[in-house]
Amino acid sequence: MNVRKITTLVEETLSEGGRPVEPTARVVMVAATIENPWKGQGFVDDLSAGIDAVASDLGALLAPRVMEALDAPLEAYGKAAIVGLDGEIEHGSALIHTLKFGNHFRDAAQASTLLPAVEKRAAAGTVFDIPLKHFTDATIRSHHQSLEVRIADAPHADEIVIALAGAAQGRPQQRLAPLSADQ
């Protein structure tokens, strides 16, 4: 795995709707910009060699950094793969949609739900939103939120940005009834 850079974003919301947020709402994202493991190979029928070579190492690199930057118990999480223009969306999907990657985050957070995800192919500097959901119950609506991210110089055409995000709480000032109230 060839990592060019790691980017960490910490967002703290102190006020929402004209009212203080107490405790402060904290959301973090850690992204690794890596060389696409299938770079220059043309169409690859079986992506398993690249998955085996990279996915677990990426999860092991990113998950503890998210937990450290969050500096609080995690309650919501998500992931993203942004593939440079010379790659395929499937390249990013291959790296994040495997337990070899995601279980590092689930284990670090003592989580049980699937990680919501976004994947896209895009030029460097593209804005993307990482969806977040509750870490043990995806039906808890207070934790459905997203984090907007932009990495100015990534991904290059032959790179992939792989990101994990976590929140210590649901949306600031959330007031929606539980999902069961709609049924």
N, C-alpha and C. Protein backbone atom coordinates (compact mmCIF):
# COMPACT_ATOMS: atom_id res chain seq x y z
N MET A 1 0.85 -1.18 0.00
CA MET A 1 0.00 0.00 0.00
C MET A 1 0.89 1.24 0.00
N ASN A 2 0.66 2.12 -0.93
CA ASN A 2 1.44 3.35 -1.04
C ASN A 2 0.56 4.53 -0.63
N VAL A 3 0.77 5.04 0.58
CA VAL A 3 -0.02 6.16 1.11
C VAL A 3 0.71 7.46 0.82
N ARG A 4 0.05 8.38 0.12
CA ARG A 4 0.64 9.70 -0.13
C ARG A 4 0.39 10.66 1.01
N LYS A 5 -0.81 10.60 1.59
CA LYS A 5 -1.11 11.54 2.67
C LYS A 5 -2.27 11.01 3.50
N ILE A 6 -2.32 11.50 4.72
CA ILE A 6 -3.44 11.24 5.61
C ILE A 6 -4.01 12.60 6.01
N THR A 7 -5.32 12.71 5.90
CA THR A 7 -6.01 13.95 6.22
C THR A 7 -6.98 13.70 7.36
N THR A 8 -6.93 14.56 8.37
CA THR A 8 -7.84 14.46 9.51
C THR A 8 -8.65 15.75 9.61
N LEU A 9 -9.96 15.59 9.75
CA LEU A 9 -10.87 16.71 9.90
C LEU A 9 -11.62 16.53 11.21
N VAL A 10 -11.63 17.56 12.04
CA VAL A 10 -12.39 17.56 13.29
C VAL A 10 -13.37 18.72 13.22
N GLU A 11 -14.65 18.41 13.36
CA GLU A 11 -15.69 19.45 13.33
C GLU A 11 -16.41 19.44 14.66
N GLU A 12 -16.50 20.61 15.29
CA GLU A 12 -17.20 20.74 16.56
C GLU A 12 -18.30 21.78 16.40
N THR A 13 -19.54 21.38 16.66
CA THR A 13 -20.67 22.29 16.58
C THR A 13 -21.00 22.76 18.00
N LEU A 14 -20.89 24.07 18.19
CA LEU A 14 -21.13 24.68 19.50
C LEU A 14 -22.53 25.26 19.64
N SER A 15 -23.14 25.59 18.49
CA SER A 15 -24.46 26.21 18.51
C SER A 15 -25.23 25.73 17.28
N GLU A 16 -26.51 25.47 17.45
CA GLU A 16 -27.37 25.04 16.35
C GLU A 16 -28.76 25.59 16.61
N GLY A 17 -29.38 26.19 15.60
CA GLY A 17 -30.72 26.73 15.77
C GLY A 17 -30.77 27.87 16.77
N GLY A 18 -29.66 28.58 16.92
CA GLY A 18 -29.61 29.69 17.85
C GLY A 18 -29.48 29.28 19.31
N ARG A 19 -29.22 28.00 19.55
CA ARG A 19 -29.09 27.51 20.92
C ARG A 19 -27.75 26.80 21.09
N PRO A 20 -27.20 26.85 22.29
CA PRO A 20 -25.95 26.13 22.53
C PRO A 20 -26.14 24.62 22.38
N VAL A 21 -25.11 23.96 21.90
CA VAL A 21 -25.10 22.50 21.82
C VAL A 21 -24.25 22.02 22.99
N GLU A 22 -24.88 21.33 23.92
CA GLU A 22 -24.18 20.85 25.11
C GLU A 22 -24.49 19.37 25.33
N PRO A 23 -23.51 18.52 25.33
CA PRO A 23 -22.11 18.85 25.08
C PRO A 23 -21.88 19.15 23.60
N THR A 24 -20.76 19.77 23.31
CA THR A 24 -20.39 20.10 21.93
C THR A 24 -20.48 18.84 21.06
N ALA A 25 -21.07 18.99 19.87
CA ALA A 25 -21.19 17.88 18.93
C ALA A 25 -19.89 17.75 18.15
N ARG A 26 -19.29 16.59 18.22
CA ARG A 26 -17.98 16.36 17.60
C ARG A 26 -18.09 15.27 16.54
N VAL A 27 -17.62 15.59 15.32
CA VAL A 27 -17.56 14.64 14.22
C VAL A 27 -16.15 14.70 13.65
N VAL A 28 -15.58 13.54 13.34
CA VAL A 28 -14.23 13.50 12.78
C VAL A 28 -14.20 12.62 11.54
N MET A 29 -13.22 12.89 10.69
CA MET A 29 -12.98 12.10 9.50
C MET A 29 -11.47 11.95 9.35
N VAL A 30 -11.05 10.73 9.03
CA VAL A 30 -9.65 10.48 8.69
C VAL A 30 -9.63 9.78 7.35
N ALA A 31 -8.85 10.33 6.41
CA ALA A 31 -8.77 9.77 5.06
C ALA A 31 -7.32 9.48 4.70
N ALA A 32 -7.13 8.38 4.02
CA ALA A 32 -5.83 8.04 3.45
C ALA A 32 -5.93 8.20 1.94
N THR A 33 -5.02 8.93 1.36
CA THR A 33 -4.92 9.04 -0.09
C THR A 33 -3.85 8.06 -0.52
N ILE A 34 -4.29 7.03 -1.25
CA ILE A 34 -3.38 5.94 -1.63
C ILE A 34 -3.28 5.79 -3.14
N GLU A 35 -2.20 5.20 -3.56
CA GLU A 35 -2.08 4.82 -4.97
C GLU A 35 -3.09 3.70 -5.24
N ASN A 36 -3.81 3.81 -6.35
CA ASN A 36 -4.77 2.78 -6.72
C ASN A 36 -4.02 1.46 -6.94
N PRO A 37 -4.36 0.41 -6.17
CA PRO A 37 -3.62 -0.85 -6.32
C PRO A 37 -3.79 -1.52 -7.68
N TRP A 38 -4.76 -1.09 -8.47
CA TRP A 38 -4.97 -1.64 -9.80
C TRP A 38 -4.50 -0.68 -10.90
N LYS A 39 -3.74 0.32 -10.52
CA LYS A 39 -3.22 1.34 -11.44
C LYS A 39 -2.49 0.69 -12.62
N GLY A 40 -2.85 1.13 -13.83
CA GLY A 40 -2.15 0.70 -15.03
C GLY A 40 -2.39 -0.73 -15.46
N GLN A 41 -3.34 -1.43 -14.85
CA GLN A 41 -3.57 -2.84 -15.18
C GLN A 41 -4.72 -3.05 -16.16
N GLY A 42 -5.37 -1.97 -16.59
CA GLY A 42 -6.55 -2.15 -17.43
C GLY A 42 -7.67 -2.76 -16.61
N PHE A 43 -8.62 -3.39 -17.30
CA PHE A 43 -9.74 -4.01 -16.61
C PHE A 43 -9.26 -5.29 -15.93
N VAL A 44 -9.47 -5.39 -14.61
CA VAL A 44 -9.05 -6.55 -13.84
C VAL A 44 -10.31 -7.33 -13.46
N ASP A 45 -10.38 -8.58 -13.92
CA ASP A 45 -11.57 -9.40 -13.62
C ASP A 45 -11.69 -9.74 -12.15
N ASP A 46 -10.59 -10.09 -11.51
CA ASP A 46 -10.61 -10.54 -10.12
C ASP A 46 -9.83 -9.54 -9.27
N LEU A 47 -10.54 -8.79 -8.45
CA LEU A 47 -9.92 -7.75 -7.64
C LEU A 47 -9.38 -8.25 -6.30
N SER A 48 -9.49 -9.54 -6.04
CA SER A 48 -9.16 -10.07 -4.72
C SER A 48 -7.71 -9.87 -4.31
N ALA A 49 -6.76 -9.91 -5.23
CA ALA A 49 -5.35 -9.71 -4.85
C ALA A 49 -5.13 -8.30 -4.29
N GLY A 50 -5.71 -7.31 -4.91
CA GLY A 50 -5.60 -5.94 -4.42
C GLY A 50 -6.32 -5.75 -3.09
N ILE A 51 -7.47 -6.38 -2.96
CA ILE A 51 -8.21 -6.32 -1.70
C ILE A 51 -7.36 -6.92 -0.58
N ASP A 52 -6.82 -8.10 -0.83
CA ASP A 52 -6.01 -8.78 0.17
C ASP A 52 -4.76 -7.98 0.53
N ALA A 53 -4.19 -7.29 -0.43
CA ALA A 53 -2.96 -6.54 -0.20
C ALA A 53 -3.19 -5.23 0.54
N VAL A 54 -4.40 -4.65 0.45
CA VAL A 54 -4.60 -3.28 0.92
C VAL A 54 -5.70 -3.10 1.97
N ALA A 55 -6.83 -3.76 1.83
CA ALA A 55 -8.03 -3.42 2.62
C ALA A 55 -7.80 -3.51 4.13
N SER A 56 -7.25 -4.59 4.61
CA SER A 56 -7.07 -4.74 6.05
C SER A 56 -6.08 -3.71 6.59
N ASP A 57 -4.99 -3.48 5.86
CA ASP A 57 -4.01 -2.48 6.31
C ASP A 57 -4.63 -1.09 6.38
N LEU A 58 -5.51 -0.78 5.43
CA LEU A 58 -6.20 0.53 5.46
C LEU A 58 -7.10 0.65 6.69
N GLY A 59 -7.88 -0.39 6.96
CA GLY A 59 -8.74 -0.36 8.13
C GLY A 59 -7.94 -0.21 9.41
N ALA A 60 -6.82 -0.93 9.48
CA ALA A 60 -5.96 -0.86 10.67
C ALA A 60 -5.30 0.50 10.82
N LEU A 61 -5.04 1.17 9.72
CA LEU A 61 -4.45 2.51 9.74
C LEU A 61 -5.47 3.57 10.16
N LEU A 62 -6.67 3.51 9.60
CA LEU A 62 -7.64 4.59 9.78
C LEU A 62 -8.46 4.49 11.06
N ALA A 63 -8.93 3.31 11.41
CA ALA A 63 -9.87 3.17 12.54
C ALA A 63 -9.31 3.73 13.84
N PRO A 64 -8.10 3.39 14.25
CA PRO A 64 -7.62 3.96 15.52
C PRO A 64 -7.43 5.48 15.46
N ARG A 65 -7.12 6.00 14.29
CA ARG A 65 -6.95 7.45 14.16
C ARG A 65 -8.28 8.18 14.34
N VAL A 66 -9.36 7.58 13.82
CA VAL A 66 -10.69 8.18 14.03
C VAL A 66 -11.03 8.17 15.50
N MET A 67 -10.83 7.05 16.15
CA MET A 67 -11.18 6.94 17.57
C MET A 67 -10.35 7.91 18.41
N GLU A 68 -9.08 8.07 18.07
CA GLU A 68 -8.22 9.00 18.81
C GLU A 68 -8.66 10.45 18.60
N ALA A 69 -8.94 10.82 17.34
CA ALA A 69 -9.35 12.20 17.05
C ALA A 69 -10.72 12.51 17.65
N LEU A 70 -11.60 11.51 17.71
CA LEU A 70 -12.94 11.73 18.28
C LEU A 70 -12.83 12.01 19.78
N ASP A 71 -11.94 11.32 20.45
CA ASP A 71 -11.66 11.55 21.87
C ASP A 71 -12.93 11.47 22.72
N ALA A 72 -13.83 10.58 22.34
CA ALA A 72 -15.08 10.34 23.06
C ALA A 72 -15.65 9.03 22.54
N PRO A 73 -16.57 8.42 23.26
CA PRO A 73 -17.18 7.19 22.74
C PRO A 73 -17.91 7.45 21.43
N LEU A 74 -17.70 6.60 20.45
CA LEU A 74 -18.33 6.74 19.14
C LEU A 74 -19.78 6.28 19.21
N GLU A 75 -20.67 7.02 18.54
CA GLU A 75 -22.09 6.64 18.44
C GLU A 75 -22.59 6.52 17.01
N ALA A 76 -21.88 7.12 16.05
CA ALA A 76 -22.30 7.05 14.65
C ALA A 76 -21.06 6.96 13.79
N TYR A 77 -21.20 6.28 12.62
CA TYR A 77 -20.02 6.12 11.77
C TYR A 77 -20.39 5.91 10.32
N GLY A 78 -19.38 6.07 9.44
CA GLY A 78 -19.57 5.88 8.01
C GLY A 78 -18.22 5.80 7.31
N LYS A 79 -18.27 5.58 5.99
CA LYS A 79 -17.04 5.40 5.21
C LYS A 79 -17.23 5.95 3.80
N ALA A 80 -16.10 6.15 3.11
CA ALA A 80 -16.14 6.68 1.75
C ALA A 80 -14.96 6.17 0.95
N ALA A 81 -15.16 6.09 -0.36
CA ALA A 81 -14.09 5.80 -1.32
C ALA A 81 -14.28 6.71 -2.52
N ILE A 82 -13.29 7.57 -2.76
CA ILE A 82 -13.33 8.48 -3.90
C ILE A 82 -12.17 8.07 -4.81
N VAL A 83 -12.52 7.60 -5.99
CA VAL A 83 -11.54 7.05 -6.92
C VAL A 83 -11.16 8.11 -7.94
N GLY A 84 -9.86 8.25 -8.19
CA GLY A 84 -9.38 9.17 -9.21
C GLY A 84 -9.88 8.78 -10.60
N LEU A 85 -9.81 9.71 -11.53
CA LEU A 85 -10.43 9.56 -12.85
C LEU A 85 -9.89 8.40 -13.68
N ASP A 86 -8.69 7.92 -13.41
CA ASP A 86 -8.16 6.78 -14.17
C ASP A 86 -8.60 5.44 -13.61
N GLY A 87 -9.30 5.44 -12.48
CA GLY A 87 -9.75 4.20 -11.85
C GLY A 87 -11.22 3.95 -12.08
N GLU A 88 -11.71 2.90 -11.45
CA GLU A 88 -13.12 2.54 -11.53
C GLU A 88 -13.73 2.68 -10.13
N ILE A 89 -15.01 3.01 -10.08
CA ILE A 89 -15.71 3.06 -8.80
C ILE A 89 -15.56 1.72 -8.09
N GLU A 90 -15.56 0.64 -8.85
CA GLU A 90 -15.43 -0.70 -8.27
C GLU A 90 -14.12 -0.86 -7.49
N HIS A 91 -13.09 -0.13 -7.87
CA HIS A 91 -11.83 -0.20 -7.13
C HIS A 91 -12.01 0.30 -5.69
N GLY A 92 -12.68 1.42 -5.54
CA GLY A 92 -12.95 1.94 -4.20
C GLY A 92 -13.90 1.04 -3.44
N SER A 93 -14.94 0.58 -4.11
CA SER A 93 -15.90 -0.32 -3.47
C SER A 93 -15.23 -1.59 -2.98
N ALA A 94 -14.30 -2.10 -3.77
CA ALA A 94 -13.60 -3.33 -3.40
C ALA A 94 -12.84 -3.16 -2.08
N LEU A 95 -12.29 -1.99 -1.84
CA LEU A 95 -11.50 -1.76 -0.64
C LEU A 95 -12.34 -1.51 0.60
N ILE A 96 -13.50 -0.88 0.46
CA ILE A 96 -14.30 -0.54 1.65
C ILE A 96 -15.44 -1.51 1.93
N HIS A 97 -15.87 -2.28 0.94
CA HIS A 97 -16.99 -3.20 1.15
C HIS A 97 -16.49 -4.61 1.40
N THR A 98 -15.58 -4.72 2.33
CA THR A 98 -15.08 -6.01 2.78
C THR A 98 -14.90 -5.95 4.29
N LEU A 99 -15.18 -7.05 4.95
CA LEU A 99 -14.99 -7.10 6.39
C LEU A 99 -13.53 -6.91 6.76
N LYS A 100 -12.63 -7.21 5.84
CA LYS A 100 -11.20 -7.01 6.09
C LYS A 100 -10.92 -5.54 6.40
N PHE A 101 -11.68 -4.63 5.82
CA PHE A 101 -11.56 -3.20 6.07
C PHE A 101 -12.45 -2.78 7.24
N GLY A 102 -13.74 -3.01 7.12
CA GLY A 102 -14.72 -2.47 8.05
C GLY A 102 -14.64 -3.02 9.46
N ASN A 103 -14.21 -4.26 9.62
CA ASN A 103 -14.17 -4.83 10.96
C ASN A 103 -13.17 -4.13 11.88
N HIS A 104 -12.15 -3.50 11.32
CA HIS A 104 -11.23 -2.74 12.17
C HIS A 104 -11.98 -1.61 12.88
N PHE A 105 -12.87 -0.93 12.15
CA PHE A 105 -13.64 0.18 12.74
C PHE A 105 -14.71 -0.36 13.68
N ARG A 106 -15.44 -1.40 13.24
CA ARG A 106 -16.47 -1.98 14.10
C ARG A 106 -15.87 -2.46 15.42
N ASP A 107 -14.73 -3.13 15.35
CA ASP A 107 -14.10 -3.63 16.58
C ASP A 107 -13.62 -2.48 17.47
N ALA A 108 -13.01 -1.46 16.89
CA ALA A 108 -12.52 -0.33 17.68
C ALA A 108 -13.66 0.40 18.39
N ALA A 109 -14.82 0.46 17.74
CA ALA A 109 -15.97 1.18 18.28
C ALA A 109 -16.95 0.27 19.03
N GLN A 110 -16.68 -1.03 19.06
CA GLN A 110 -17.61 -2.01 19.61
C GLN A 110 -18.98 -1.86 18.95
N ALA A 111 -18.95 -1.77 17.62
CA ALA A 111 -20.15 -1.54 16.82
C ALA A 111 -20.65 -2.84 16.21
N SER A 112 -21.91 -2.80 15.75
CA SER A 112 -22.49 -4.01 15.17
C SER A 112 -23.21 -3.78 13.84
N THR A 113 -23.45 -2.55 13.45
CA THR A 113 -24.18 -2.31 12.21
C THR A 113 -23.21 -2.18 11.03
N LEU A 114 -23.77 -2.29 9.84
CA LEU A 114 -22.98 -2.04 8.64
C LEU A 114 -22.65 -0.56 8.57
N LEU A 115 -21.49 -0.28 8.02
CA LEU A 115 -21.07 1.11 7.83
C LEU A 115 -21.74 1.68 6.59
N PRO A 116 -22.49 2.77 6.71
CA PRO A 116 -23.02 3.40 5.50
C PRO A 116 -21.86 3.96 4.68
N ALA A 117 -22.05 4.04 3.37
CA ALA A 117 -20.92 4.39 2.52
C ALA A 117 -21.32 5.29 1.36
N VAL A 118 -20.31 5.96 0.83
CA VAL A 118 -20.43 6.67 -0.44
C VAL A 118 -19.21 6.30 -1.27
N GLU A 119 -19.43 6.08 -2.54
CA GLU A 119 -18.34 5.84 -3.48
C GLU A 119 -18.61 6.67 -4.72
N LYS A 120 -17.54 7.19 -5.29
CA LYS A 120 -17.67 7.90 -6.57
C LYS A 120 -16.30 8.04 -7.21
N ARG A 121 -16.32 8.29 -8.50
CA ARG A 121 -15.09 8.62 -9.23
C ARG A 121 -15.12 10.12 -9.44
N ALA A 122 -13.99 10.77 -9.16
CA ALA A 122 -13.99 12.22 -9.22
C ALA A 122 -12.57 12.75 -9.34
N ALA A 123 -12.49 13.99 -9.74
CA ALA A 123 -11.21 14.69 -9.83
C ALA A 123 -10.80 15.19 -8.45
N ALA A 124 -9.54 15.55 -8.32
CA ALA A 124 -9.02 16.10 -7.07
C ALA A 124 -9.85 17.30 -6.64
N GLY A 125 -10.09 17.40 -5.36
CA GLY A 125 -10.81 18.55 -4.81
C GLY A 125 -12.32 18.43 -4.84
N THR A 126 -12.85 17.31 -5.28
CA THR A 126 -14.29 17.13 -5.32
C THR A 126 -14.86 17.04 -3.91
N VAL A 127 -16.01 17.67 -3.70
CA VAL A 127 -16.71 17.59 -2.43
C VAL A 127 -17.48 16.27 -2.39
N PHE A 128 -17.44 15.59 -1.25
CA PHE A 128 -18.23 14.39 -1.07
C PHE A 128 -18.78 14.38 0.35
N ASP A 129 -19.92 13.74 0.52
CA ASP A 129 -20.58 13.63 1.83
C ASP A 129 -20.47 12.20 2.33
N ILE A 130 -19.99 12.05 3.55
CA ILE A 130 -19.92 10.73 4.17
C ILE A 130 -21.17 10.57 5.03
N PRO A 131 -22.01 9.57 4.72
CA PRO A 131 -23.19 9.34 5.55
C PRO A 131 -22.80 8.65 6.85
N LEU A 132 -23.47 9.03 7.92
CA LEU A 132 -23.24 8.40 9.22
C LEU A 132 -24.56 7.87 9.77
N LYS A 133 -24.49 6.73 10.43
CA LYS A 133 -25.64 6.15 11.11
C LYS A 133 -25.20 5.60 12.45
N HIS A 134 -26.18 5.32 13.29
CA HIS A 134 -25.89 4.80 14.63
C HIS A 134 -25.07 3.51 14.53
N PHE A 135 -24.16 3.33 15.45
CA PHE A 135 -23.21 2.22 15.38
C PHE A 135 -23.75 0.87 15.83
N THR A 136 -24.91 0.85 16.49
CA THR A 136 -25.49 -0.45 16.87
C THR A 136 -26.92 -0.63 16.38
N ASP A 137 -27.57 0.44 15.94
CA ASP A 137 -28.96 0.34 15.48
C ASP A 137 -29.19 1.37 14.38
N ALA A 138 -29.17 0.93 13.14
CA ALA A 138 -29.28 1.85 11.99
C ALA A 138 -30.65 2.51 11.89
N THR A 139 -31.63 2.09 12.70
CA THR A 139 -32.95 2.72 12.64
C THR A 139 -33.09 3.91 13.57
N ILE A 140 -32.07 4.19 14.38
CA ILE A 140 -32.13 5.35 15.27
C ILE A 140 -31.90 6.60 14.44
N ARG A 141 -32.97 7.35 14.21
CA ARG A 141 -32.92 8.48 13.28
C ARG A 141 -32.09 9.66 13.75
N SER A 142 -31.92 9.83 15.04
CA SER A 142 -31.16 10.97 15.55
C SER A 142 -29.71 10.95 15.09
N HIS A 143 -29.21 9.80 14.68
CA HIS A 143 -27.81 9.66 14.30
C HIS A 143 -27.61 9.64 12.79
N HIS A 144 -28.69 9.72 12.01
CA HIS A 144 -28.57 9.82 10.56
C HIS A 144 -28.10 11.24 10.24
N GLN A 145 -26.89 11.34 9.75
CA GLN A 145 -26.30 12.65 9.45
C GLN A 145 -25.23 12.44 8.39
N SER A 146 -24.62 13.51 7.95
CA SER A 146 -23.53 13.38 6.99
C SER A 146 -22.48 14.45 7.28
N LEU A 147 -21.29 14.17 6.80
CA LEU A 147 -20.16 15.08 6.96
C LEU A 147 -19.64 15.42 5.58
N GLU A 148 -19.60 16.70 5.27
CA GLU A 148 -19.09 17.15 3.97
C GLU A 148 -17.57 17.25 4.04
N VAL A 149 -16.91 16.69 3.03
CA VAL A 149 -15.45 16.63 2.99
C VAL A 149 -14.95 17.08 1.63
N ARG A 150 -13.80 17.73 1.64
CA ARG A 150 -13.09 18.08 0.41
C ARG A 150 -11.61 18.04 0.72
N ILE A 151 -10.86 17.29 -0.08
CA ILE A 151 -9.40 17.25 0.05
C ILE A 151 -8.86 17.91 -1.21
N ALA A 152 -8.27 19.07 -1.06
CA ALA A 152 -7.95 19.94 -2.20
C ALA A 152 -7.15 19.25 -3.30
N ASP A 153 -6.18 18.43 -2.95
CA ASP A 153 -5.30 17.86 -3.98
C ASP A 153 -5.47 16.35 -4.13
N ALA A 154 -6.62 15.83 -3.79
CA ALA A 154 -6.81 14.38 -3.88
C ALA A 154 -8.25 14.05 -4.26
N PRO A 155 -8.44 12.95 -4.97
CA PRO A 155 -7.42 12.02 -5.42
C PRO A 155 -6.81 12.45 -6.77
N HIS A 156 -5.52 12.17 -6.95
CA HIS A 156 -4.94 12.28 -8.28
C HIS A 156 -5.61 11.22 -9.15
N ALA A 157 -5.40 11.29 -10.44
CA ALA A 157 -6.09 10.37 -11.36
C ALA A 157 -5.81 8.90 -11.04
N ASP A 158 -4.63 8.60 -10.52
CA ASP A 158 -4.25 7.22 -10.23
C ASP A 158 -4.32 6.88 -8.74
N GLU A 159 -5.13 7.62 -7.99
CA GLU A 159 -5.23 7.42 -6.55
C GLU A 159 -6.67 7.11 -6.13
N ILE A 160 -6.79 6.72 -4.87
CA ILE A 160 -8.10 6.53 -4.23
C ILE A 160 -8.02 7.17 -2.84
N VAL A 161 -9.03 7.93 -2.49
CA VAL A 161 -9.17 8.44 -1.13
C VAL A 161 -10.12 7.49 -0.41
N ILE A 162 -9.63 6.92 0.68
CA ILE A 162 -10.44 6.05 1.53
C ILE A 162 -10.59 6.76 2.87
N ALA A 163 -11.84 6.92 3.33
CA ALA A 163 -12.09 7.69 4.55
C ALA A 163 -13.02 6.95 5.49
N LEU A 164 -12.80 7.17 6.76
CA LEU A 164 -13.70 6.75 7.82
C LEU A 164 -14.11 7.99 8.60
N ALA A 165 -15.36 8.02 9.05
CA ALA A 165 -15.85 9.15 9.85
C ALA A 165 -16.62 8.62 11.04
N GLY A 166 -16.57 9.39 12.13
CA GLY A 166 -17.30 9.01 13.33
C GLY A 166 -17.82 10.22 14.06
N ALA A 167 -18.90 10.02 14.79
CA ALA A 167 -19.50 11.09 15.60
C ALA A 167 -19.72 10.58 17.01
N ALA A 168 -19.60 11.47 17.96
CA ALA A 168 -19.79 11.12 19.37
C ALA A 168 -21.24 11.24 19.80
N GLN A 169 -22.12 11.61 18.85
CA GLN A 169 -23.52 11.84 19.18
C GLN A 169 -24.34 11.88 17.90
N GLY A 170 -25.64 12.08 18.07
CA GLY A 170 -26.50 12.29 16.91
C GLY A 170 -26.41 13.74 16.45
N ARG A 171 -27.33 14.12 15.57
CA ARG A 171 -27.36 15.49 15.07
C ARG A 171 -27.56 16.47 16.21
N PRO A 172 -26.92 17.63 16.15
CA PRO A 172 -27.17 18.65 17.17
C PRO A 172 -28.65 19.07 17.16
N GLN A 173 -29.23 19.15 18.33
CA GLN A 173 -30.62 19.58 18.53
C GLN A 173 -31.63 18.68 17.82
N GLN A 174 -31.34 17.43 17.62
CA GLN A 174 -32.29 16.53 16.95
C GLN A 174 -33.57 16.42 17.75
N ARG A 175 -34.70 16.37 17.05
CA ARG A 175 -35.99 16.34 17.73
C ARG A 175 -36.97 15.37 17.07
N LEU A 176 -36.52 14.52 16.16
CA LEU A 176 -37.42 13.59 15.51
C LEU A 176 -37.77 12.44 16.45
N ALA A 177 -38.99 11.98 16.36
CA ALA A 177 -39.42 10.83 17.15
C ALA A 177 -38.72 9.58 16.65
N PRO A 178 -38.63 8.56 17.48
CA PRO A 178 -38.04 7.29 17.01
C PRO A 178 -38.79 6.77 15.80
N LEU A 179 -38.12 5.99 14.97
CA LEU A 179 -38.71 5.43 13.76
C LEU A 179 -40.01 4.68 14.08
N SER A 180 -40.07 4.01 15.20
CA SER A 180 -41.26 3.23 15.57
C SER A 180 -42.50 4.12 15.71
N ALA A 181 -42.33 5.41 15.95
CA ALA A 181 -43.47 6.32 16.09
C ALA A 181 -44.21 6.50 14.77
N ASP A 182 -43.55 6.25 13.64
CA ASP A 182 -44.18 6.39 12.32
C ASP A 182 -44.98 5.16 11.92
N GLN A 183 -44.81 4.11 12.64
CA GLN A 183 -45.45 2.84 12.25
C GLN A 183 -46.81 2.65 12.89
